[in-house]
C-alpha atoms as a PDB file:
ATOM      1  CA  MET A   1     -22.656 -10.977 -46.557  1.00  0.00           C
ATOM      2  CA  GLN A   2     -20.133 -13.146 -44.729  1.00  0.00           C
ATOM      3  CA  SER A   3     -18.617 -10.040 -43.148  1.00  0.00           C
ATOM      4  CA  VAL A   4     -22.039  -8.812 -42.043  1.00  0.00           C
ATOM      5  CA  ARG A   5     -22.939 -12.204 -40.560  1.00  0.00           C
ATOM      6  CA  GLY A   6     -19.638 -12.284 -38.714  1.00  0.00           C
ATOM      7  CA  ARG A   7     -20.192  -8.797 -37.288  1.00  0.00           C
ATOM      8  CA  LEU A   8     -23.728  -9.631 -36.150  1.00  0.00           C
ATOM      9  CA  GLY A   9     -22.468 -12.830 -34.563  1.00  0.00           C
ATOM     10  CA  LEU A  10     -20.313 -10.815 -32.182  1.00  0.00           C
ATOM     11  CA  GLY A  11     -23.400  -9.299 -30.570  1.00  0.00           C
ATOM     12  CA  ARG A  12     -23.191  -5.965 -28.788  1.00  0.00           C
ATOM     13  CA  LEU A  13     -19.856  -4.359 -27.952  1.00  0.00           C
ATOM     14  CA  LEU A  14     -20.073  -4.077 -24.168  1.00  0.00           C
ATOM     15  CA  PRO A  15     -18.031  -1.653 -22.048  1.00  0.00           C
ATOM     16  CA  LEU A  16     -15.612  -3.149 -19.531  1.00  0.00           C
ATOM     17  CA  GLY A  17     -14.738  -1.183 -16.424  1.00  0.00           C
ATOM     18  CA  GLY A  18     -15.422   2.540 -16.282  1.00  0.00           C
ATOM     19  CA  PRO A  19     -15.169   5.465 -18.699  1.00  0.00           C
ATOM     20  CA  ASP A  20     -11.393   5.761 -18.193  1.00  0.00           C
ATOM     21  CA  ASP A  21     -10.668   2.123 -19.030  1.00  0.00           C
ATOM     22  CA  GLY A  22     -11.211   2.411 -22.792  1.00  0.00           C
ATOM     23  CA  THR A  23     -12.076  -1.269 -23.116  1.00  0.00           C
ATOM     24  CA  TRP A  24     -14.943  -3.196 -24.696  1.00  0.00           C
ATOM     25  CA  ILE A  25     -15.774  -6.881 -25.053  1.00  0.00           C
ATOM     26  CA  THR A  26     -18.035  -8.587 -27.559  1.00  0.00           C
ATOM     27  CA  GLU A  27     -21.293  -9.901 -26.184  1.00  0.00           C
ATOM     28  CA  ARG A  28     -20.456 -13.332 -27.595  1.00  0.00           C
ATOM     29  CA  ALA A  29     -17.197 -13.524 -25.623  1.00  0.00           C
ATOM     30  CA  ALA A  30     -18.850 -12.284 -22.422  1.00  0.00           C
ATOM     31  CA  VAL A  31     -21.719 -14.756 -22.725  1.00  0.00           C
ATOM     32  CA  ARG A  32     -19.351 -17.677 -23.266  1.00  0.00           C
ATOM     33  CA  ALA A  33     -17.447 -16.763 -20.112  1.00  0.00           C
ATOM     34  CA  LEU A  34     -20.647 -16.460 -18.082  1.00  0.00           C
ATOM     35  CA  LEU A  35     -21.941 -19.777 -19.438  1.00  0.00           C
ATOM     36  CA  SER A  36     -18.901 -21.590 -18.085  1.00  0.00           C
ATOM     37  CA  LYS A  37     -19.608 -20.218 -14.624  1.00  0.00           C
ATOM     38  CA  ALA A  38     -23.357 -20.850 -14.772  1.00  0.00           C
ATOM     39  CA  ALA A  39     -22.660 -24.494 -15.630  1.00  0.00           C
ATOM     40  CA  GLY A  40     -21.684 -24.957 -11.994  1.00  0.00           C
ATOM     41  CA  VAL A  41     -25.154 -24.088 -10.662  1.00  0.00           C
ATOM     42  CA  PRO A  42     -26.812 -27.419  -9.740  1.00  0.00           C
ATOM     43  CA  GLY A  43     -29.878 -28.409 -11.758  1.00  0.00           C
ATOM     44  CA  VAL A  44     -29.833 -25.337 -14.011  1.00  0.00           C
ATOM     45  CA  ARG A  45     -29.291 -25.132 -17.749  1.00  0.00           C
ATOM     46  CA  LEU A  46     -29.243 -21.796 -19.541  1.00  0.00           C
ATOM     47  CA  GLU A  47     -31.311 -21.680 -22.719  1.00  0.00           C
ATOM     48  CA  ASN A  48     -30.385 -18.193 -23.946  1.00  0.00           C
ATOM     49  CA  MET A  49     -28.709 -15.048 -22.705  1.00  0.00           C
ATOM     50  CA  ARG A  50     -28.331 -11.441 -23.775  1.00  0.00           C
ATOM     51  CA  ILE A  51     -26.367  -8.600 -22.190  1.00  0.00           C
ATOM     52  CA  GLY A  52     -27.245  -4.973 -22.817  1.00  0.00           C
ATOM     53  CA  PRO A  53     -27.787  -1.560 -21.255  1.00  0.00           C
ATOM     54  CA  VAL A  54     -30.241  -0.966 -18.435  1.00  0.00           C
ATOM     55  CA  PRO A  55     -33.161   1.026 -19.884  1.00  0.00           C
ATOM     56  CA  HIS A  56     -33.490   4.642 -18.750  1.00  0.00           C
ATOM     57  CA  GLU A  57     -30.224   4.530 -16.778  1.00  0.00           C
ATOM     58  CA  PRO A  58     -27.657   7.293 -17.391  1.00  0.00           C
ATOM     59  CA  VAL A  59     -24.489   6.470 -19.309  1.00  0.00           C
ATOM     60  CA  LEU A  60     -21.078   8.112 -19.265  1.00  0.00           C
ATOM     61  CA  GLU A  61     -18.824   9.414 -22.005  1.00  0.00           C
ATOM     62  CA  SER A  62     -15.761   7.311 -22.634  1.00  0.00           C
ATOM     63  CA  ALA A  63     -12.408   8.982 -22.108  1.00  0.00           C
ATOM     64  CA  VAL A  64     -11.221   7.524 -25.434  1.00  0.00           C
ATOM     65  CA  ARG A  65     -12.816   7.056 -28.828  1.00  0.00           C
ATOM     66  CA  PRO A  66     -14.889   3.845 -28.739  1.00  0.00           C
ATOM     67  CA  PRO A  67     -15.063   1.256 -31.520  1.00  0.00           C
ATOM     68  CA  ALA A  68     -17.830   1.894 -34.031  1.00  0.00           C
ATOM     69  CA  GLY A  69     -21.196   0.875 -32.605  1.00  0.00           C
ATOM     70  CA  ALA A  70     -19.888   0.222 -29.087  1.00  0.00           C
ATOM     71  CA  LEU A  71     -22.127   0.874 -26.097  1.00  0.00           C
ATOM     72  CA  PRO A  72     -21.101   3.776 -23.850  1.00  0.00           C
ATOM     73  CA  PRO A  73     -19.935   2.995 -20.299  1.00  0.00           C
ATOM     74  CA  GLY A  74     -22.868   2.459 -17.978  1.00  0.00           C
ATOM     75  CA  PRO A  75     -24.840  -0.152 -16.055  1.00  0.00           C
ATOM     76  CA  LEU A  76     -25.623  -3.409 -17.844  1.00  0.00           C
ATOM     77  CA  ARG A  77     -28.433  -5.926 -17.581  1.00  0.00           C
ATOM     78  CA  ILE A  78     -28.166  -9.672 -18.105  1.00  0.00           C
ATOM     79  CA  GLU A  79     -31.285 -11.375 -19.448  1.00  0.00           C
ATOM     80  CA  ALA A  80     -31.457 -15.165 -19.500  1.00  0.00           C
ATOM     81  CA  ALA A  81     -33.907 -18.038 -19.762  1.00  0.00           C
ATOM     82  CA  PHE A  82     -33.212 -21.324 -18.021  1.00  0.00           C
ATOM     83  CA  THR A  83     -34.657 -24.715 -17.233  1.00  0.00           C
ATOM     84  CA  GLY A  84     -34.614 -25.922 -13.644  1.00  0.00           C
ATOM     85  CA  SER A  85     -34.963 -29.162 -11.730  1.00  0.00           C
ATOM     86  CA  VAL A  86     -38.161 -30.370 -10.070  1.00  0.00           C
ATOM     87  CA  THR A  87     -36.049 -31.131  -6.984  1.00  0.00           C
ATOM     88  CA  THR A  88     -35.013 -27.482  -6.497  1.00  0.00           C
ATOM     89  CA  PRO A  89     -37.534 -24.667  -5.959  1.00  0.00           C
ATOM     90  CA  VAL A  90     -37.416 -22.240  -8.868  1.00  0.00           C
ATOM     91  CA  PRO A  91     -36.813 -19.161  -6.667  1.00  0.00           C
ATOM     92  CA  GLN A  92     -33.835 -20.907  -5.053  1.00  0.00           C
ATOM     93  CA  ALA A  93     -32.346 -21.943  -8.402  1.00  0.00           C
ATOM     94  CA  ALA A  94     -32.912 -18.459  -9.824  1.00  0.00           C
ATOM     95  CA  GLY A  95     -31.261 -16.877  -6.800  1.00  0.00           C
ATOM     96  CA  GLN A  96     -28.183 -19.071  -7.136  1.00  0.00           C
ATOM     97  CA  LEU A  97     -27.971 -18.400 -10.858  1.00  0.00           C
ATOM     98  CA  ARG A  98     -28.387 -14.651 -10.411  1.00  0.00           C
ATOM     99  CA  THR A  99     -25.646 -14.487  -7.778  1.00  0.00           C
ATOM    100  CA  THR A 100     -23.306 -16.578  -9.909  1.00  0.00           C
ATOM    101  CA  LEU A 101     -23.815 -14.410 -12.998  1.00  0.00           C
ATOM    102  CA  LEU A 102     -23.383 -11.112 -11.152  1.00  0.00           C
ATOM    103  CA  GLU A 103     -20.216 -12.257  -9.395  1.00  0.00           C
ATOM    104  CA  ALA A 104     -18.733 -13.713 -12.564  1.00  0.00           C
ATOM    105  CA  ALA A 105     -19.538 -10.590 -14.583  1.00  0.00           C
ATOM    106  CA  ASP A 106     -17.714  -8.409 -12.072  1.00  0.00           C
ATOM    107  CA  GLU A 107     -14.870 -10.611 -10.846  1.00  0.00           C
ATOM    108  CA  GLU A 108     -14.106 -12.684 -13.942  1.00  0.00           C
ATOM    109  CA  LEU A 109     -14.711 -10.086 -16.664  1.00  0.00           C
ATOM    110  CA  GLY A 110     -15.049  -6.555 -15.308  1.00  0.00           C
ATOM    111  CA  LEU A 111     -18.583  -5.943 -16.604  1.00  0.00           C
ATOM    112  CA  SER A 112     -20.695  -3.398 -14.719  1.00  0.00           C
ATOM    113  CA  ALA A 113     -23.727  -5.686 -14.532  1.00  0.00           C
ATOM    114  CA  VAL A 114     -26.211  -4.418 -11.950  1.00  0.00           C
ATOM    115  CA  THR A 115     -29.245  -6.591 -12.603  1.00  0.00           C
ATOM    116  CA  VAL A 116     -30.104 -10.071 -13.870  1.00  0.00           C
ATOM    117  CA  ASP A 117     -33.572 -10.783 -15.271  1.00  0.00           C
ATOM    118  CA  LEU A 118     -34.334 -14.504 -15.355  1.00  0.00           C
ATOM    119  CA  ARG A 119     -37.158 -16.527 -16.866  1.00  0.00           C
ATOM    120  CA  ALA A 120     -37.773 -20.198 -16.079  1.00  0.00           C
ATOM    121  CA  THR A 121     -38.988 -21.939 -19.217  1.00  0.00           C
ATOM    122  CA  ASP A 122     -39.295 -25.567 -18.078  1.00  0.00           C
ATOM    123  CA  LEU A 123     -38.617 -28.084 -15.323  1.00  0.00           C
ATOM    124  CA  HIS A 124     -36.880 -31.414 -15.745  1.00  0.00           C
ATOM    125  CA  GLU A 125     -36.241 -34.523 -13.697  1.00  0.00           C
ATOM    126  CA  GLY A 126     -32.813 -35.908 -12.954  1.00  0.00           C
ATOM    127  CA  PRO A 127     -29.413 -34.295 -13.584  1.00  0.00           C
ATOM    128  CA  VAL A 128     -28.869 -31.813 -16.367  1.00  0.00           C
ATOM    129  CA  ALA A 129     -26.511 -32.905 -19.123  1.00  0.00           C
ATOM    130  CA  ASP A 130     -23.566 -30.597 -19.513  1.00  0.00           C
ATOM    131  CA  GLY A 131     -24.548 -28.339 -22.379  1.00  0.00           C
ATOM    132  CA  GLY A 132     -22.160 -25.450 -21.868  1.00  0.00           C
ATOM    133  CA  PRO A 133     -20.527 -25.333 -25.308  1.00  0.00           C
ATOM    134  CA  GLN A 134     -23.736 -26.362 -27.079  1.00  0.00           C
ATOM    135  CA  ALA A 135     -25.788 -23.838 -25.152  1.00  0.00           C
ATOM    136  CA  ALA A 136     -23.507 -21.079 -26.383  1.00  0.00           C
ATOM    137  CA  GLU A 137     -24.847 -21.639 -29.882  1.00  0.00           C
ATOM    138  CA  ASN A 138     -28.319 -20.633 -28.666  1.00  0.00           C
ATOM    139  CA  VAL A 139     -27.291 -17.578 -26.675  1.00  0.00           C
ATOM    140  CA  VAL A 140     -26.113 -15.095 -29.278  1.00  0.00           C
ATOM    141  CA  PRO A 141     -25.878 -15.598 -33.046  1.00  0.00           C
ATOM    142  CA  LEU A 142     -22.552 -17.139 -33.947  1.00  0.00           C
ATOM    143  CA  PRO A 143     -20.870 -16.608 -37.326  1.00  0.00           C
ATOM    144  CA  SER A 144     -20.013 -19.433 -39.649  1.00  0.00           C
ATOM    145  CA  GLN A 145     -16.734 -21.295 -39.311  1.00  0.00           C
ATOM    146  CA  GLU A 146     -15.319 -19.428 -42.305  1.00  0.00           C
ATOM    147  CA  ALA A 147     -16.132 -16.046 -40.747  1.00  0.00           C
ATOM    148  CA  SER A 148     -14.798 -16.775 -37.279  1.00  0.00           C
ATOM    149  CA  THR A 149     -11.327 -15.287 -37.996  1.00  0.00           C
ATOM    150  CA  ARG A 150      -9.603 -17.990 -35.990  1.00  0.00           C
ATOM    151  CA  SER A 151      -6.637 -18.279 -38.319  1.00  0.00           C
ATOM    152  CA  PRO A 152      -3.310 -16.948 -37.012  1.00  0.00           C
ATOM    153  CA  ALA A 153      -3.236 -14.295 -39.718  1.00  0.00           C
ATOM    154  CA  PRO A 154      -4.283 -10.781 -38.660  1.00  0.00           C
ATOM    155  CA  ALA A 155      -7.196 -10.785 -41.092  1.00  0.00           C
ATOM    156  CA  ALA A 156      -8.235 -12.691 -44.163  1.00  0.00           C
ATOM    157  CA  GLY A 157      -6.902 -11.226 -47.365  1.00  0.00           C
ATOM    158  CA  THR A 158      -4.530  -8.747 -45.720  1.00  0.00           C
ATOM    159  CA  GLU A 159      -0.753  -8.482 -45.611  1.00  0.00           C
ATOM    160  CA  PRO A 160       1.129  -8.870 -42.317  1.00  0.00           C
ATOM    161  CA  LEU A 161       1.445  -5.651 -40.350  1.00  0.00           C
ATOM    162  CA  ARG A 162       4.651  -3.736 -41.021  1.00  0.00           C
ATOM    163  CA  GLY A 163       6.206  -0.464 -39.969  1.00  0.00           C
ATOM    164  CA  PRO A 164       5.067   1.477 -36.892  1.00  0.00           C
ATOM    165  CA  VAL A 165       1.684  -0.274 -36.845  1.00  0.00           C
ATOM    166  CA  GLY A 166       3.391  -3.660 -36.966  1.00  0.00           C
ATOM    167  CA  GLU A 167       5.595  -2.621 -34.054  1.00  0.00           C
ATOM    168  CA  LEU A 168       2.512  -1.709 -32.015  1.00  0.00           C
ATOM    169  CA  ALA A 169       0.984  -5.071 -32.916  1.00  0.00           C
ATOM    170  CA  ASP A 170       4.113  -6.793 -31.584  1.00  0.00           C
ATOM    171  CA  VAL A 171       3.915  -4.761 -28.372  1.00  0.00           C
ATOM    172  CA  ALA A 172       0.271  -5.685 -27.834  1.00  0.00           C
ATOM    173  CA  SER A 173       0.877  -9.366 -28.625  1.00  0.00           C
ATOM    174  CA  ALA A 174       3.684  -9.540 -26.061  1.00  0.00           C
ATOM    175  CA  VAL A 175       1.502  -8.440 -23.135  1.00  0.00           C
ATOM    176  CA  PRO A 176       0.857 -11.384 -20.758  1.00  0.00           C
ATOM    177  CA  GLY A 177      -2.689 -12.675 -21.132  1.00  0.00           C
ATOM    178  CA  VAL A 178      -3.030 -11.818 -24.830  1.00  0.00           C
ATOM    179  CA  ALA A 179      -3.813 -14.996 -26.796  1.00  0.00           C
ATOM    180  CA  ARG A 180      -3.558 -13.370 -30.221  1.00  0.00           C
ATOM    181  CA  LEU A 181      -4.624 -10.325 -32.193  1.00  0.00           C
ATOM    182  CA  THR A 182      -7.923 -10.615 -34.060  1.00  0.00           C
ATOM    183  CA  ALA A 183      -9.841  -8.698 -36.705  1.00  0.00           C
ATOM    184  CA  PRO A 184     -13.527  -9.694 -36.748  1.00  0.00           C
ATOM    185  CA  LEU A 185     -14.519  -6.111 -37.544  1.00  0.00           C
ATOM    186  CA  GLY A 186     -12.475  -6.236 -40.737  1.00  0.00           C
ATOM    187  CA  GLY A 187      -9.201  -4.612 -41.699  1.00  0.00           C
ATOM    188  CA  HIS A 188      -6.185  -5.005 -39.428  1.00  0.00           C
ATOM    189  CA  PRO A 189      -6.225  -5.796 -35.694  1.00  0.00           C
ATOM    190  CA  VAL A 190      -4.326  -2.583 -34.949  1.00  0.00           C
ATOM    191  CA  ARG A 191      -5.550   0.701 -36.388  1.00  0.00           C
ATOM    192  CA  VAL A 192      -3.888   4.073 -35.914  1.00  0.00           C
ATOM    193  CA  THR A 193      -5.714   7.305 -36.754  1.00  0.00           C
ATOM    194  CA  HIS A 194      -4.365  10.842 -36.575  1.00  0.00           C
ATOM    195  CA  GLN A 195      -6.011  14.157 -35.864  1.00  0.00           C
ATOM    196  CA  ASP A 196      -4.484  17.420 -37.034  1.00  0.00           C
ATOM    197  CA  ASP A 197      -6.285  20.097 -35.021  1.00  0.00           C
ATOM    198  CA  PRO A 198      -5.424  19.711 -32.242  1.00  0.00           C
ATOM    199  CA  PRO A 199      -2.741  17.094 -32.955  1.00  0.00           C
ATOM    200  CA  ALA A 200      -3.671  13.708 -31.515  1.00  0.00           C
ATOM    201  CA  ARG A 201      -3.197  10.016 -32.203  1.00  0.00           C
ATOM    202  CA  HIS A 202      -5.604   7.155 -31.465  1.00  0.00           C
ATOM    203  CA  VAL A 203      -4.864   3.421 -31.520  1.00  0.00           C
ATOM    204  CA  GLN A 204      -7.512   0.682 -31.594  1.00  0.00           C
ATOM    205  CA  ILE A 205      -6.558  -2.932 -30.894  1.00  0.00           C
ATOM    206  CA  GLN A 206      -8.666  -6.065 -31.349  1.00  0.00           C
ATOM    207  CA  LEU A 207      -7.515  -9.153 -29.481  1.00  0.00           C
ATOM    208  CA  ALA A 208      -8.398 -12.419 -27.769  1.00  0.00           C
ATOM    209  CA  VAL A 209      -7.560 -12.991 -24.105  1.00  0.00           C
ATOM    210  CA  VAL A 210      -6.168 -16.190 -22.612  1.00  0.00           C
ATOM    211  CA  THR A 211      -8.876 -18.137 -20.811  1.00  0.00           C
ATOM    212  CA  GLY A 212      -8.613 -17.658 -17.057  1.00  0.00           C
ATOM    213  CA  ARG A 213      -7.141 -14.156 -17.290  1.00  0.00           C
ATOM    214  CA  ARG A 214      -9.375 -11.239 -16.330  1.00  0.00           C
ATOM    215  CA  PRO A 215     -10.031  -9.420 -19.624  1.00  0.00           C
ATOM    216  CA  LEU A 216     -10.182  -5.956 -18.055  1.00  0.00           C
ATOM    217  CA  GLU A 217      -6.752  -6.324 -16.438  1.00  0.00           C
ATOM    218  CA  VAL A 218      -5.203  -7.621 -19.667  1.00  0.00           C
ATOM    219  CA  ALA A 219      -6.741  -4.734 -21.634  1.00  0.00           C
ATOM    220  CA  ARG A 220      -5.389  -2.171 -19.183  1.00  0.00           C
ATOM    221  CA  ALA A 221      -1.903  -3.601 -19.573  1.00  0.00           C
ATOM    222  CA  VAL A 222      -2.241  -3.553 -23.367  1.00  0.00           C
ATOM    223  CA  ARG A 223      -3.384   0.077 -23.363  1.00  0.00           C
ATOM    224  CA  ASP A 224      -0.477   1.121 -21.145  1.00  0.00           C
ATOM    225  CA  ALA A 225       2.058  -0.724 -23.297  1.00  0.00           C
ATOM    226  CA  VAL A 226       0.681   0.538 -26.609  1.00  0.00           C
ATOM    227  CA  THR A 227       0.295   4.181 -25.573  1.00  0.00           C
ATOM    228  CA  THR A 228       3.844   4.176 -24.210  1.00  0.00           C
ATOM    229  CA  ALA A 229       5.209   2.663 -27.421  1.00  0.00           C
ATOM    230  CA  ALA A 230       3.173   5.007 -29.631  1.00  0.00           C
ATOM    231  CA  THR A 231       4.164   8.212 -27.879  1.00  0.00           C
ATOM    232  CA  SER A 232       7.248   9.044 -29.919  1.00  0.00           C
ATOM    233  CA  ASP A 233       6.439  12.760 -29.712  1.00  0.00           C
ATOM    234  CA  VAL A 234       5.254  13.944 -26.302  1.00  0.00           C
ATOM    235  CA  ARG A 235       3.593  16.926 -27.985  1.00  0.00           C
ATOM    236  CA  ILE A 236       1.070  14.599 -29.639  1.00  0.00           C
ATOM    237  CA  PRO A 237      -1.186  12.903 -27.069  1.00  0.00           C
ATOM    238  CA  THR A 238      -1.962   9.259 -27.758  1.00  0.00           C
ATOM    239  CA  THR A 239      -5.047   7.362 -26.660  1.00  0.00           C
ATOM    240  CA  ALA A 240      -5.842   3.664 -27.057  1.00  0.00           C
ATOM    241  CA  ALA A 241      -8.988   1.549 -27.074  1.00  0.00           C
ATOM    242  CA  VAL A 242      -9.107  -2.231 -26.749  1.00  0.00           C
ATOM    243  CA  LEU A 243     -11.812  -4.528 -28.076  1.00  0.00           C
ATOM    244  CA  ILE A 244     -11.730  -8.048 -26.665  1.00  0.00           C
ATOM    245  CA  THR A 245     -13.314 -10.341 -29.209  1.00  0.00           C
ATOM    246  CA  ASP A 246     -12.826 -13.764 -27.639  1.00  0.00           C
ATOM    247  CA  THR A 247     -11.198 -15.857 -24.924  1.00  0.00           C
ATOM    248  CA  GLU A 248      -8.957 -18.769 -25.864  1.00  0.00           C
ATOM    249  CA  ALA A 249      -6.882 -21.417 -24.141  1.00  0.00           C
END
């Protein structure tokens, strides 16, 4: 049950970049990043936020095998409810918030967000208290402290990574911008699967990105480093997918 709650707390697995980027980010991590940017919009406080696919819009097939349950690459929609100030017209506040969220999604994260649907739920007088970290608790379900996998170990109840997989974990950890490897989906943060016909190798890495670094750029560097390190036999093509589970200082 704890594992299930932890998985649900991550929210959707959202595609970063395009179909060739092979990168996803948890909805929880994306929302937290957007909340920090939205906190700078005067007189506005976000009450809740979800990020998901745009209905009836075409999606693309990823060039690499995605994590289980991940959304395919395609346009995304941000939905949010907010309270505004009586001193600022609601359309003006909504416009500022929409622009901020779209720019942050693209420039700060690499999300292909094309639309933001906003709903004003209330108006208040005076300044808004800074509720960024607290507001995050109301945006997407968060797992319990015990299920947050914030310990330095790769995963609870597992042995440290050894052998070729451990070497790939070291390569991924050494990429600038990687805070640490994580394993909220269970198992180890680095998984290697093999295919016999035709021969192929696939690596999946779960990690947290240093706050302030663009997750998509860090993931691209990780994929390049890992695929290079894993290609010991040029006759066996290697692909890699990255799941960004959090951002950390």
